[in-house]
Amino acid sequence: MTTAAAAVAADRADRILAAYLAASDCRAVKVLGKVWK
């Protein structure tokens, strides 16, 4: 595996993680919103 390929893989994993965190964060906010009301 070249360093370039590793960098691309790390970047992709980072984006997937960021998207997952954003989605779970959004879900948590919706759940909290329901509980709050």
PDB file of N, CA and C in Angstrom:
ATOM      1  N   MET A   1       0.846  -1.197   0.000  1.00  0.00           N
ATOM      2  CA  MET A   1       0.000   0.000   0.000  1.00  0.00           C
ATOM      3  C   MET A   1       0.887   1.255   0.000  1.00  0.00           C
ATOM      4  N   THR A   2       0.647   2.127  -0.941  1.00  0.00           N
ATOM      5  CA  THR A   2       1.440   3.357  -1.011  1.00  0.00           C
ATOM      6  C   THR A   2       0.938   4.368   0.006  1.00  0.00           C
ATOM      7  N   THR A   3       1.754   5.364   0.283  1.00  0.00           N
ATOM      8  CA  THR A   3       1.352   6.402   1.240  1.00  0.00           C
ATOM      9  C   THR A   3       0.165   7.189   0.695  1.00  0.00           C
ATOM     10  N   ALA A   4       0.129   7.346  -0.640  1.00  0.00           N
ATOM     11  CA  ALA A   4      -0.981   8.069  -1.272  1.00  0.00           C
ATOM     12  C   ALA A   4      -2.289   7.307  -1.065  1.00  0.00           C
ATOM     13  N   ALA A   5      -2.248   5.992  -1.274  1.00  0.00           N
ATOM     14  CA  ALA A   5      -3.435   5.161  -1.090  1.00  0.00           C
ATOM     15  C   ALA A   5      -3.879   5.183   0.366  1.00  0.00           C
ATOM     16  N   ALA A   6      -2.909   5.162   1.271  1.00  0.00           N
ATOM     17  CA  ALA A   6      -3.220   5.196   2.701  1.00  0.00           C
ATOM     18  C   ALA A   6      -3.873   6.525   3.070  1.00  0.00           C
ATOM     19  N   ALA A   7      -3.376   7.607   2.477  1.00  0.00           N
ATOM     20  CA  ALA A   7      -3.929   8.934   2.749  1.00  0.00           C
ATOM     21  C   ALA A   7      -5.367   9.024   2.253  1.00  0.00           C
ATOM     22  N   VAL A   8      -5.619   8.470   1.072  1.00  0.00           N
ATOM     23  CA  VAL A   8      -6.975   8.477   0.504  1.00  0.00           C
ATOM     24  C   VAL A   8      -7.912   7.647   1.378  1.00  0.00           C
ATOM     25  N   ALA A   9      -7.442   6.477   1.811  1.00  0.00           N
ATOM     26  CA  ALA A   9      -8.257   5.612   2.661  1.00  0.00           C
ATOM     27  C   ALA A   9      -8.565   6.297   3.992  1.00  0.00           C
ATOM     28  N   ALA A  10      -7.575   6.963   4.561  1.00  0.00           N
ATOM     29  CA  ALA A  10      -7.763   7.661   5.833  1.00  0.00           C
ATOM     30  C   ALA A  10      -8.747   8.810   5.667  1.00  0.00           C
ATOM     31  N   ASP A  11      -8.641   9.522   4.546  1.00  0.00           N
ATOM     32  CA  ASP A  11      -9.541  10.647   4.265  1.00  0.00           C
ATOM     33  C   ASP A  11     -10.970  10.144   4.122  1.00  0.00           C
ATOM     34  N   ARG A  12     -11.132   9.020   3.427  1.00  0.00           N
ATOM     35  CA  ARG A  12     -12.462   8.451   3.225  1.00  0.00           C
ATOM     36  C   ARG A  12     -13.051   8.000   4.560  1.00  0.00           C
ATOM     37  N   ALA A  13     -12.245   7.325   5.371  1.00  0.00           N
ATOM     38  CA  ALA A  13     -12.699   6.856   6.680  1.00  0.00           C
ATOM     39  C   ALA A  13     -13.089   8.044   7.555  1.00  0.00           C
ATOM     40  N   ASP A  14     -12.309   9.117   7.456  1.00  0.00           N
ATOM     41  CA  ASP A  14     -12.573  10.326   8.229  1.00  0.00           C
ATOM     42  C   ASP A  14     -13.917  10.927   7.833  1.00  0.00           C
ATOM     43  N   ARG A  15     -14.188  10.957   6.531  1.00  0.00           N
ATOM     44  CA  ARG A  15     -15.459  11.512   6.042  1.00  0.00           C
ATOM     45  C   ARG A  15     -16.635  10.650   6.456  1.00  0.00           C
ATOM     46  N   ILE A  16     -16.464   9.321   6.376  1.00  0.00           N
ATOM     47  CA  ILE A  16     -17.524   8.395   6.775  1.00  0.00           C
ATOM     48  C   ILE A  16     -17.819   8.571   8.258  1.00  0.00           C
ATOM     49  N   LEU A  17     -16.763   8.684   9.064  1.00  0.00           N
ATOM     50  CA  LEU A  17     -16.921   8.878  10.505  1.00  0.00           C
ATOM     51  C   LEU A  17     -17.634  10.192  10.790  1.00  0.00           C
ATOM     52  N   ALA A  18     -17.235  11.250  10.100  1.00  0.00           N
ATOM     53  CA  ALA A  18     -17.858  12.562  10.289  1.00  0.00           C
ATOM     54  C   ALA A  18     -19.335  12.508   9.914  1.00  0.00           C
ATOM     55  N   ALA A  19     -19.651  11.843   8.810  1.00  0.00           N
ATOM     56  CA  ALA A  19     -21.043  11.726   8.369  1.00  0.00           C
ATOM     57  C   ALA A  19     -21.858  10.915   9.372  1.00  0.00           C
ATOM     58  N   TYR A  20     -21.254   9.820   9.893  1.00  0.00           N
ATOM     59  CA  TYR A  20     -21.936   8.995  10.888  1.00  0.00           C
ATOM     60  C   TYR A  20     -22.205   9.787  12.164  1.00  0.00           C
ATOM     61  N   LEU A  21     -21.217  10.533  12.623  1.00  0.00           N
ATOM     62  CA  LEU A  21     -21.378  11.336  13.837  1.00  0.00           C
ATOM     63  C   LEU A  21     -22.445  12.402  13.636  1.00  0.00           C
ATOM     64  N   ALA A  22     -22.460  13.031  12.462  1.00  0.00           N
ATOM     65  CA  ALA A  22     -23.460  14.056  12.168  1.00  0.00           C
ATOM     66  C   ALA A  22     -24.855  13.434  12.173  1.00  0.00           C
ATOM     67  N   ALA A  23     -24.998  12.242  11.587  1.00  0.00           N
ATOM     68  CA  ALA A  23     -26.289  11.565  11.525  1.00  0.00           C
ATOM     69  C   ALA A  23     -26.761  11.143  12.913  1.00  0.00           C
ATOM     70  N   SER A  24     -25.878  10.575  13.719  1.00  0.00           N
ATOM     71  CA  SER A  24     -26.255  10.137  15.062  1.00  0.00           C
ATOM     72  C   SER A  24     -26.554  11.343  15.939  1.00  0.00           C
ATOM     73  N   ASP A  25     -25.825  12.445  15.713  1.00  0.00           N
ATOM     74  CA  ASP A  25     -26.052  13.685  16.446  1.00  0.00           C
ATOM     75  C   ASP A  25     -27.448  14.210  16.122  1.00  0.00           C
ATOM     76  N   CYS A  26     -27.813  14.156  14.846  1.00  0.00           N
ATOM     77  CA  CYS A  26     -29.122  14.615  14.392  1.00  0.00           C
ATOM     78  C   CYS A  26     -30.212  13.763  15.038  1.00  0.00           C
ATOM     79  N   ARG A  27     -29.999  12.438  15.076  1.00  0.00           N
ATOM     80  CA  ARG A  27     -30.963  11.526  15.696  1.00  0.00           C
ATOM     81  C   ARG A  27     -31.123  11.847  17.172  1.00  0.00           C
ATOM     82  N   ALA A  28     -30.008  12.069  17.850  1.00  0.00           N
ATOM     83  CA  ALA A  28     -30.037  12.371  19.284  1.00  0.00           C
ATOM     84  C   ALA A  28     -30.831  13.647  19.542  1.00  0.00           C
ATOM     85  N   VAL A  29     -30.642  14.644  18.689  1.00  0.00           N
ATOM     86  CA  VAL A  29     -31.363  15.912  18.834  1.00  0.00           C
ATOM     87  C   VAL A  29     -32.860  15.684  18.653  1.00  0.00           C
ATOM     88  N   LYS A  30     -33.248  14.859  17.680  1.00  0.00           N
ATOM     89  CA  LYS A  30     -34.666  14.559  17.442  1.00  0.00           C
ATOM     90  C   LYS A  30     -35.270  13.849  18.645  1.00  0.00           C
ATOM     91  N   VAL A  31     -34.551  12.869  19.177  1.00  0.00           N
ATOM     92  CA  VAL A  31     -35.032  12.120  20.345  1.00  0.00           C
ATOM     93  C   VAL A  31     -35.170  13.052  21.541  1.00  0.00           C
ATOM     94  N   LEU A  32     -34.151  13.887  21.767  1.00  0.00           N
ATOM     95  CA  LEU A  32     -34.198  14.838  22.880  1.00  0.00           C
ATOM     96  C   LEU A  32     -35.350  15.815  22.690  1.00  0.00           C
ATOM     97  N   GLY A  33     -35.588  16.223  21.447  1.00  0.00           N
ATOM     98  CA  GLY A  33     -36.685  17.134  21.151  1.00  0.00           C
ATOM     99  C   GLY A  33     -38.024  16.520  21.518  1.00  0.00           C
ATOM    100  N   LYS A  34     -38.206  15.234  21.217  1.00  0.00           N
ATOM    101  CA  LYS A  34     -39.449  14.537  21.559  1.00  0.00           C
ATOM    102  C   LYS A  34     -39.599  14.420  23.068  1.00  0.00           C
ATOM    103  N   VAL A  35     -38.510  14.070  23.746  1.00  0.00           N
ATOM    104  CA  VAL A  35     -38.540  13.910  25.203  1.00  0.00           C
ATOM    105  C   VAL A  35     -38.816  15.259  25.858  1.00  0.00           C
ATOM    106  N   TRP A  36     -38.178  16.311  25.326  1.00  0.00           N
ATOM    107  CA  TRP A  36     -38.311  17.657  25.888  1.00  0.00           C
ATOM    108  C   TRP A  36     -39.759  18.119  25.849  1.00  0.00           C
ATOM    109  N   LYS A  37     -40.442  17.877  24.715  1.00  0.00           N
ATOM    110  CA  LYS A  37     -41.833  18.300  24.566  1.00  0.00           C
ATOM    111  C   LYS A  37     -42.730  17.353  25.347  1.00  0.00           C
TER     112      LYS A  37
END
